[in-house]
C-alpha atoms as a PDB file:
ATOM      1  CA  MET A   1     101.225 148.018 143.354  1.00  0.00           C
ATOM      2  CA  MET A   2      99.978 151.199 144.358  1.00  0.00           C
ATOM      3  CA  GLU A   3      98.643 151.064 148.008  1.00  0.00           C
ATOM      4  CA  ILE A   4      95.256 152.219 148.163  1.00  0.00           C
ATOM      5  CA  SER A   5      93.969 154.303 151.066  1.00  0.00           C
ATOM      6  CA  THR A   6      90.257 153.828 152.633  1.00  0.00           C
ATOM      7  CA  LYS A   7      90.455 157.488 152.469  1.00  0.00           C
ATOM      8  CA  MET A   8      90.893 160.311 149.984  1.00  0.00           C
ATOM      9  CA  GLN A   9      90.391 163.917 149.020  1.00  0.00           C
ATOM     10  CA  ALA A  10      87.147 165.429 147.373  1.00  0.00           C
ATOM     11  CA  TYR A  11      86.941 169.085 145.839  1.00  0.00           C
ATOM     12  CA  GLN A  12      82.989 169.654 146.813  1.00  0.00           C
ATOM     13  CA  PHE A  13      80.015 172.052 147.529  1.00  0.00           C
ATOM     14  CA  LYS A  14      77.442 170.982 150.569  1.00  0.00           C
ATOM     15  CA  SER A  15      74.891 173.786 149.355  1.00  0.00           C
ATOM     16  CA  TYR A  16      74.258 175.455 146.035  1.00  0.00           C
ATOM     17  CA  GLN A  17      75.842 178.971 145.884  1.00  0.00           C
ATOM     18  CA  GLY A  18      77.927 177.798 148.909  1.00  0.00           C
ATOM     19  CA  PRO A  19      81.899 177.258 148.536  1.00  0.00           C
ATOM     20  CA  ALA A  20      83.358 174.341 147.314  1.00  0.00           C
ATOM     21  CA  ALA A  21      86.577 172.956 149.171  1.00  0.00           C
ATOM     22  CA  PHE A  22      88.119 170.058 150.208  1.00  0.00           C
ATOM     23  CA  ALA A  23      86.598 167.130 151.807  1.00  0.00           C
ATOM     24  CA  THR A  24      88.072 163.586 153.035  1.00  0.00           C
ATOM     25  CA  VAL A  25      85.532 160.939 152.383  1.00  0.00           C
ATOM     26  CA  ALA A  26      86.067 156.989 151.239  1.00  0.00           C
ATOM     27  CA  THR A  27      88.055 155.631 149.096  1.00  0.00           C
ATOM     28  CA  PRO A  28      85.228 153.978 146.400  1.00  0.00           C
ATOM     29  CA  GLN A  29      85.622 150.226 145.617  1.00  0.00           C
ATOM     30  CA  PRO A  30      85.663 149.128 141.860  1.00  0.00           C
ATOM     31  CA  ALA A  31      83.065 147.088 140.274  1.00  0.00           C
ATOM     32  CA  ALA A  32      83.327 143.953 138.371  1.00  0.00           C
ATOM     33  CA  ASP A  33      82.599 146.554 135.217  1.00  0.00           C
ATOM     34  CA  GLU A  34      85.223 149.223 136.506  1.00  0.00           C
ATOM     35  CA  LEU A  35      88.187 150.703 136.932  1.00  0.00           C
ATOM     36  CA  LEU A  36      89.951 152.989 139.793  1.00  0.00           C
ATOM     37  CA  VAL A  37      91.788 156.028 138.712  1.00  0.00           C
ATOM     38  CA  ALA A  38      94.432 158.285 140.494  1.00  0.00           C
ATOM     39  CA  VAL A  39      93.497 161.523 139.179  1.00  0.00           C
ATOM     40  CA  MET A  40      95.989 163.468 137.881  1.00  0.00           C
ATOM     41  CA  ALA A  41      94.009 166.544 135.890  1.00  0.00           C
ATOM     42  CA  VAL A  42      90.737 167.870 136.233  1.00  0.00           C
ATOM     43  CA  GLY A  43      88.722 169.746 133.783  1.00  0.00           C
ATOM     44  CA  LEU A  44      86.496 172.805 135.091  1.00  0.00           C
ATOM     45  CA  ASN A  45      84.221 174.125 132.588  1.00  0.00           C
ATOM     46  CA  PRO A  46      81.393 176.967 133.067  1.00  0.00           C
ATOM     47  CA  VAL A  47      78.919 174.220 133.524  1.00  0.00           C
ATOM     48  CA  ASP A  48      80.266 173.359 136.919  1.00  0.00           C
ATOM     49  CA  TYR A  49      79.972 176.721 138.373  1.00  0.00           C
ATOM     50  CA  LYS A  50      76.274 176.633 136.967  1.00  0.00           C
ATOM     51  CA  ILE A  51      75.730 173.608 138.780  1.00  0.00           C
ATOM     52  CA  GLN A  52      77.105 175.184 141.886  1.00  0.00           C
ATOM     53  CA  ALA A  53      74.836 177.839 141.751  1.00  0.00           C
ATOM     54  CA  GLY A  54      72.006 175.393 141.068  1.00  0.00           C
ATOM     55  CA  LYS A  55      71.525 176.215 137.411  1.00  0.00           C
ATOM     56  CA  MET A  56      71.563 172.727 136.247  1.00  0.00           C
ATOM     57  CA  LYS A  57      69.075 171.385 139.066  1.00  0.00           C
ATOM     58  CA  PRO A  58      65.972 171.019 135.846  1.00  0.00           C
ATOM     59  CA  LEU A  59      68.175 168.873 134.083  1.00  0.00           C
ATOM     60  CA  MET A  60      70.912 166.947 136.480  1.00  0.00           C
ATOM     61  CA  LYS A  61      69.797 166.037 139.990  1.00  0.00           C
ATOM     62  CA  ALA A  62      72.622 165.646 141.738  1.00  0.00           C
ATOM     63  CA  LYS A  63      72.306 164.675 145.445  1.00  0.00           C
ATOM     64  CA  LEU A  64      74.731 167.249 147.741  1.00  0.00           C
ATOM     65  CA  PRO A  65      77.233 167.466 148.922  1.00  0.00           C
ATOM     66  CA  LEU A  66      78.826 167.111 145.201  1.00  0.00           C
ATOM     67  CA  THR A  67      81.824 166.936 144.150  1.00  0.00           C
ATOM     68  CA  MET A  68      82.848 169.341 140.753  1.00  0.00           C
ATOM     69  CA  GLY A  69      84.849 168.389 138.011  1.00  0.00           C
ATOM     70  CA  ASN A  70      83.423 167.154 134.157  1.00  0.00           C
ATOM     71  CA  GLU A  71      86.933 165.601 132.949  1.00  0.00           C
ATOM     72  CA  PHE A  72      89.854 163.574 134.062  1.00  0.00           C
ATOM     73  CA  ALA A  73      93.109 162.246 133.084  1.00  0.00           C
ATOM     74  CA  GLY A  74      95.181 159.813 135.259  1.00  0.00           C
ATOM     75  CA  THR A  75      96.505 156.390 136.135  1.00  0.00           C
ATOM     76  CA  VAL A  76      94.808 153.010 136.910  1.00  0.00           C
ATOM     77  CA  VAL A  77      95.051 151.719 140.164  1.00  0.00           C
ATOM     78  CA  ALA A  78      92.378 149.191 140.234  1.00  0.00           C
ATOM     79  CA  VAL A  79      90.682 147.299 137.632  1.00  0.00           C
ATOM     80  CA  GLY A  80      87.292 144.702 138.121  1.00  0.00           C
ATOM     81  CA  LYS A  81      87.176 141.368 137.537  1.00  0.00           C
ATOM     82  CA  GLN A  82      85.737 142.281 133.978  1.00  0.00           C
ATOM     83  CA  VAL A  83      87.355 144.944 132.357  1.00  0.00           C
ATOM     84  CA  THR A  84      89.576 144.471 129.779  1.00  0.00           C
ATOM     85  CA  GLY A  85      91.964 146.246 127.076  1.00  0.00           C
ATOM     86  CA  ILE A  86      93.276 148.746 130.377  1.00  0.00           C
ATOM     87  CA  ALA A  87      95.594 147.738 133.176  1.00  0.00           C
ATOM     88  CA  VAL A  88      96.822 148.882 135.978  1.00  0.00           C
ATOM     89  CA  GLY A  89      99.429 151.241 134.953  1.00  0.00           C
ATOM     90  CA  ASP A  90      97.712 152.309 132.037  1.00  0.00           C
ATOM     91  CA  ARG A  91      97.510 155.945 131.550  1.00  0.00           C
ATOM     92  CA  VAL A  92      93.725 157.116 130.977  1.00  0.00           C
ATOM     93  CA  TYR A  93      90.762 160.007 130.418  1.00  0.00           C
ATOM     94  CA  GLY A  94      87.592 160.433 129.854  1.00  0.00           C
ATOM     95  CA  ARG A  95      84.534 161.725 132.087  1.00  0.00           C
ATOM     96  CA  PRO A  96      81.438 160.345 133.188  1.00  0.00           C
ATOM     97  CA  ASP A  97      77.909 160.597 131.845  1.00  0.00           C
ATOM     98  CA  HIS A  98      75.844 163.643 131.655  1.00  0.00           C
ATOM     99  CA  GLN A  99      73.361 162.825 135.384  1.00  0.00           C
ATOM    100  CA  HIS A 100      77.231 162.054 137.571  1.00  0.00           C
ATOM    101  CA  ALA A 101      79.805 165.128 137.127  1.00  0.00           C
ATOM    102  CA  GLY A 102      82.471 164.585 140.465  1.00  0.00           C
ATOM    103  CA  THR A 103      86.480 164.211 138.736  1.00  0.00           C
ATOM    104  CA  TRP A 104      88.110 166.171 141.215  1.00  0.00           C
ATOM    105  CA  LEU A 105      89.126 163.410 143.800  1.00  0.00           C
ATOM    106  CA  SER A 106      91.906 161.300 144.491  1.00  0.00           C
ATOM    107  CA  ILE A 107      90.771 158.401 143.404  1.00  0.00           C
ATOM    108  CA  SER A 108      87.685 158.019 141.163  1.00  0.00           C
ATOM    109  CA  ARG A 109      85.443 155.237 139.785  1.00  0.00           C
ATOM    110  CA  TYR A 110      84.551 154.705 136.388  1.00  0.00           C
ATOM    111  CA  GLN A 111      83.097 152.079 134.045  1.00  0.00           C
ATOM    112  CA  GLN A 112      85.457 150.948 131.594  1.00  0.00           C
ATOM    113  CA  HIS A 113      83.417 152.713 128.237  1.00  0.00           C
ATOM    114  CA  ARG A 114      83.714 156.038 130.274  1.00  0.00           C
ATOM    115  CA  LEU A 115      87.508 156.286 129.272  1.00  0.00           C
ATOM    116  CA  LEU A 116      90.035 156.184 126.832  1.00  0.00           C
ATOM    117  CA  LYS A 117      93.703 154.738 127.237  1.00  0.00           C
ATOM    118  CA  TYR A 118      96.731 157.600 125.873  1.00  0.00           C
ATOM    119  CA  GLN A 119      98.025 155.875 122.393  1.00  0.00           C
ATOM    120  CA  LYS A 120     102.071 156.162 122.615  1.00  0.00           C
ATOM    121  CA  ASN A 121     102.596 157.838 119.787  1.00  0.00           C
END
């Protein structure tokens, strides 16, 4: 089992139209219906830059600092007590809901319905 640090890195911006940079943040703990994923790949899209520029404020009420990224792929490192069908070590991918950007993290927390397990060919 992977040792999970209490601190991790996140790629964030602190103000609209400001630069993004890596910051040290607290590692989340999973709730009963959540999983922790060691993020291995992140998708940045034009919408990420629109969010950073402040152009999405009417649609997305973001709290700053905001972590960038809208898609992810990685490996499950912890599961909540109510999670079924996905275990530590499984490779998964997904995206947060429309109100919660932020996948460019060392370890990220997601509800189970926000991700899918890679299928073996």
